[in-house]
Amino acid sequence: MKPGDRVADFSAQNEEGETVRLSDMLENGPVVLFFYPKAKTPL
């Protein structure tokens, strides 16, 4: 991915265990996604 690329709709669990969808979040305005490696895993 590169900045500005479009992402397919997906769902994931938030920190409270609730399932959220990207398309639902986009209804309220722009969304910034960032990804990082799981803690204590090799780079």
PDB file of N, CA and C in Angstrom:
ATOM      1  N   MET A   1       0.835  -1.184   0.000  1.00  0.00           N
ATOM      2  CA  MET A   1       0.000   0.000   0.000  1.00  0.00           C
ATOM      3  C   MET A   1       0.871   1.235   0.000  1.00  0.00           C
ATOM      4  N   LYS A   2       0.311   2.258  -0.603  1.00  0.00           N
ATOM      5  CA  LYS A   2       0.954   3.559  -0.621  1.00  0.00           C
ATOM      6  C   LYS A   2      -0.040   4.590  -0.097  1.00  0.00           C
ATOM      7  N   PRO A   3       0.442   5.698   0.444  1.00  0.00           N
ATOM      8  CA  PRO A   3      -0.482   6.743   0.882  1.00  0.00           C
ATOM      9  C   PRO A   3      -1.446   7.107  -0.242  1.00  0.00           C
ATOM     10  N   GLY A   4      -2.715   7.202   0.090  1.00  0.00           N
ATOM     11  CA  GLY A   4      -3.730   7.570  -0.878  1.00  0.00           C
ATOM     12  C   GLY A   4      -4.417   6.389  -1.548  1.00  0.00           C
ATOM     13  N   ASP A   5      -3.850   5.162  -1.400  1.00  0.00           N
ATOM     14  CA  ASP A   5      -4.494   3.983  -1.976  1.00  0.00           C
ATOM     15  C   ASP A   5      -5.834   3.736  -1.303  1.00  0.00           C
ATOM     16  N   ARG A   6      -6.792   3.227  -2.059  1.00  0.00           N
ATOM     17  CA  ARG A   6      -8.097   2.854  -1.497  1.00  0.00           C
ATOM     18  C   ARG A   6      -8.017   1.452  -0.929  1.00  0.00           C
ATOM     19  N   VAL A   7      -8.763   1.235   0.134  1.00  0.00           N
ATOM     20  CA  VAL A   7      -8.754  -0.047   0.838  1.00  0.00           C
ATOM     21  C   VAL A   7     -10.128  -0.688   0.707  1.00  0.00           C
ATOM     22  N   ALA A   8     -10.151  -1.998   0.509  1.00  0.00           N
ATOM     23  CA  ALA A   8     -11.430  -2.720   0.471  1.00  0.00           C
ATOM     24  C   ALA A   8     -12.080  -2.672   1.851  1.00  0.00           C
ATOM     25  N   ASP A   9     -13.397  -2.679   1.881  1.00  0.00           N
ATOM     26  CA  ASP A   9     -14.119  -2.653   3.155  1.00  0.00           C
ATOM     27  C   ASP A   9     -13.744  -3.885   3.975  1.00  0.00           C
ATOM     28  N   PHE A  10     -13.617  -3.724   5.277  1.00  0.00           N
ATOM     29  CA  PHE A  10     -13.303  -4.849   6.157  1.00  0.00           C
ATOM     30  C   PHE A  10     -13.904  -4.594   7.527  1.00  0.00           C
ATOM     31  N   SER A  11     -13.951  -5.648   8.337  1.00  0.00           N
ATOM     32  CA  SER A  11     -14.400  -5.511   9.722  1.00  0.00           C
ATOM     33  C   SER A  11     -13.312  -6.063  10.631  1.00  0.00           C
ATOM     34  N   ALA A  12     -13.271  -5.556  11.855  1.00  0.00           N
ATOM     35  CA  ALA A  12     -12.292  -5.981  12.849  1.00  0.00           C
ATOM     36  C   ALA A  12     -12.857  -5.686  14.229  1.00  0.00           C
ATOM     37  N   GLN A  13     -12.243  -6.278  15.235  1.00  0.00           N
ATOM     38  CA  GLN A  13     -12.669  -6.009  16.606  1.00  0.00           C
ATOM     39  C   GLN A  13     -11.874  -4.836  17.159  1.00  0.00           C
ATOM     40  N   ASN A  14     -12.578  -3.955  17.872  1.00  0.00           N
ATOM     41  CA  ASN A  14     -11.895  -2.843  18.525  1.00  0.00           C
ATOM     42  C   ASN A  14     -11.403  -3.286  19.904  1.00  0.00           C
ATOM     43  N   GLU A  15     -10.820  -2.364  20.638  1.00  0.00           N
ATOM     44  CA  GLU A  15     -10.250  -2.693  21.952  1.00  0.00           C
ATOM     45  C   GLU A  15     -11.300  -3.126  22.968  1.00  0.00           C
ATOM     46  N   GLU A  16     -12.567  -2.874  22.668  1.00  0.00           N
ATOM     47  CA  GLU A  16     -13.651  -3.273  23.566  1.00  0.00           C
ATOM     48  C   GLU A  16     -14.312  -4.579  23.125  1.00  0.00           C
ATOM     49  N   GLY A  17     -13.759  -5.211  22.081  1.00  0.00           N
ATOM     50  CA  GLY A  17     -14.283  -6.476  21.597  1.00  0.00           C
ATOM     51  C   GLY A  17     -15.469  -6.353  20.659  1.00  0.00           C
ATOM     52  N   GLU A  18     -15.836  -5.128  20.292  1.00  0.00           N
ATOM     53  CA  GLU A  18     -16.954  -4.895  19.384  1.00  0.00           C
ATOM     54  C   GLU A  18     -16.467  -4.975  17.932  1.00  0.00           C
ATOM     55  N   THR A  19     -17.280  -5.529  17.055  1.00  0.00           N
ATOM     56  CA  THR A  19     -16.937  -5.580  15.648  1.00  0.00           C
ATOM     57  C   THR A  19     -17.291  -4.249  14.994  1.00  0.00           C
ATOM     58  N   VAL A  20     -16.329  -3.674  14.302  1.00  0.00           N
ATOM     59  CA  VAL A  20     -16.533  -2.405  13.605  1.00  0.00           C
ATOM     60  C   VAL A  20     -16.177  -2.600  12.133  1.00  0.00           C
ATOM     61  N   ARG A  21     -16.856  -1.855  11.256  1.00  0.00           N
ATOM     62  CA  ARG A  21     -16.608  -1.926   9.818  1.00  0.00           C
ATOM     63  C   ARG A  21     -16.033  -0.598   9.341  1.00  0.00           C
ATOM     64  N   LEU A  22     -15.113  -0.695   8.415  1.00  0.00           N
ATOM     65  CA  LEU A  22     -14.526   0.513   7.836  1.00  0.00           C
ATOM     66  C   LEU A  22     -15.603   1.378   7.210  1.00  0.00           C
ATOM     67  N   SER A  23     -16.523   0.784   6.471  1.00  0.00           N
ATOM     68  CA  SER A  23     -17.568   1.562   5.807  1.00  0.00           C
ATOM     69  C   SER A  23     -18.429   2.329   6.809  1.00  0.00           C
ATOM     70  N   ASP A  24     -18.664   1.753   7.987  1.00  0.00           N
ATOM     71  CA  ASP A  24     -19.445   2.458   9.011  1.00  0.00           C
ATOM     72  C   ASP A  24     -18.678   3.667   9.540  1.00  0.00           C
ATOM     73  N   MET A  25     -17.369   3.514   9.739  1.00  0.00           N
ATOM     74  CA  MET A  25     -16.565   4.628  10.239  1.00  0.00           C
ATOM     75  C   MET A  25     -16.472   5.748   9.218  1.00  0.00           C
ATOM     76  N   LEU A  26     -16.448   5.401   7.922  1.00  0.00           N
ATOM     77  CA  LEU A  26     -16.337   6.411   6.871  1.00  0.00           C
ATOM     78  C   LEU A  26     -17.573   7.287   6.764  1.00  0.00           C
ATOM     79  N   GLU A  27     -18.697   6.835   7.307  1.00  0.00           N
ATOM     80  CA  GLU A  27     -19.913   7.658   7.285  1.00  0.00           C
ATOM     81  C   GLU A  27     -19.735   8.948   8.072  1.00  0.00           C
ATOM     82  N   ASN A  28     -18.802   8.941   9.040  1.00  0.00           N
ATOM     83  CA  ASN A  28     -18.570  10.117   9.884  1.00  0.00           C
ATOM     84  C   ASN A  28     -17.446  11.001   9.383  1.00  0.00           C
ATOM     85  N   GLY A  29     -16.812  10.630   8.278  1.00  0.00           N
ATOM     86  CA  GLY A  29     -15.719  11.436   7.737  1.00  0.00           C
ATOM     87  C   GLY A  29     -14.506  10.577   7.436  1.00  0.00           C
ATOM     88  N   PRO A  30     -13.387  11.211   7.085  1.00  0.00           N
ATOM     89  CA  PRO A  30     -12.173  10.474   6.734  1.00  0.00           C
ATOM     90  C   PRO A  30     -11.660   9.611   7.888  1.00  0.00           C
ATOM     91  N   VAL A  31     -10.971   8.549   7.537  1.00  0.00           N
ATOM     92  CA  VAL A  31     -10.399   7.623   8.517  1.00  0.00           C
ATOM     93  C   VAL A  31      -8.914   7.458   8.198  1.00  0.00           C
ATOM     94  N   VAL A  32      -8.076   7.466   9.219  1.00  0.00           N
ATOM     95  CA  VAL A  32      -6.648   7.216   9.061  1.00  0.00           C
ATOM     96  C   VAL A  32      -6.367   5.822   9.604  1.00  0.00           C
ATOM     97  N   LEU A  33      -5.784   4.973   8.763  1.00  0.00           N
ATOM     98  CA  LEU A  33      -5.416   3.623   9.186  1.00  0.00           C
ATOM     99  C   LEU A  33      -3.907   3.541   9.330  1.00  0.00           C
ATOM    100  N   PHE A  34      -3.462   2.888  10.358  1.00  0.00           N
ATOM    101  CA  PHE A  34      -2.037   2.606  10.456  1.00  0.00           C
ATOM    102  C   PHE A  34      -1.877   1.214  11.025  1.00  0.00           C
ATOM    103  N   PHE A  35      -0.803   0.567  10.646  1.00  0.00           N
ATOM    104  CA  PHE A  35      -0.533  -0.807  11.047  1.00  0.00           C
ATOM    105  C   PHE A  35       0.839  -0.868  11.686  1.00  0.00           C
ATOM    106  N   TYR A  36       0.978  -1.725  12.664  1.00  0.00           N
ATOM    107  CA  TYR A  36       2.257  -1.899  13.316  1.00  0.00           C
ATOM    108  C   TYR A  36       2.404  -3.376  13.687  1.00  0.00           C
ATOM    109  N   PRO A  37       3.635  -3.865  13.839  1.00  0.00           N
ATOM    110  CA  PRO A  37       3.824  -5.285  14.155  1.00  0.00           C
ATOM    111  C   PRO A  37       3.352  -5.617  15.568  1.00  0.00           C
ATOM    112  N   LYS A  38       2.948  -6.842  15.740  1.00  0.00           N
ATOM    113  CA  LYS A  38       2.549  -7.316  17.067  1.00  0.00           C
ATOM    114  C   LYS A  38       3.741  -7.202  18.012  1.00  0.00           C
ATOM    115  N   ALA A  39       3.483  -6.883  19.264  1.00  0.00           N
ATOM    116  CA  ALA A  39       4.548  -6.701  20.249  1.00  0.00           C
ATOM    117  C   ALA A  39       5.409  -7.952  20.368  1.00  0.00           C
ATOM    118  N   LYS A  40       6.690  -7.718  20.521  1.00  0.00           N
ATOM    119  CA  LYS A  40       7.695  -8.771  20.744  1.00  0.00           C
ATOM    120  C   LYS A  40       7.771  -9.766  19.603  1.00  0.00           C
ATOM    121  N   THR A  41       7.610  -9.286  18.379  1.00  0.00           N
ATOM    122  CA  THR A  41       7.804 -10.131  17.196  1.00  0.00           C
ATOM    123  C   THR A  41       8.981  -9.579  16.408  1.00  0.00           C
ATOM    124  N   PRO A  42       9.669 -10.437  15.671  1.00  0.00           N
ATOM    125  CA  PRO A  42      10.809  -9.933  14.886  1.00  0.00           C
ATOM    126  C   PRO A  42      10.339  -9.003  13.778  1.00  0.00           C
ATOM    127  N   LEU A  43      11.166  -8.071  13.400  1.00  0.00           N
ATOM    128  CA  LEU A  43      10.809  -7.117  12.345  1.00  0.00           C
ATOM    129  C   LEU A  43      10.865  -7.761  11.026  1.00  0.00           C
TER     130      LEU A  43
END
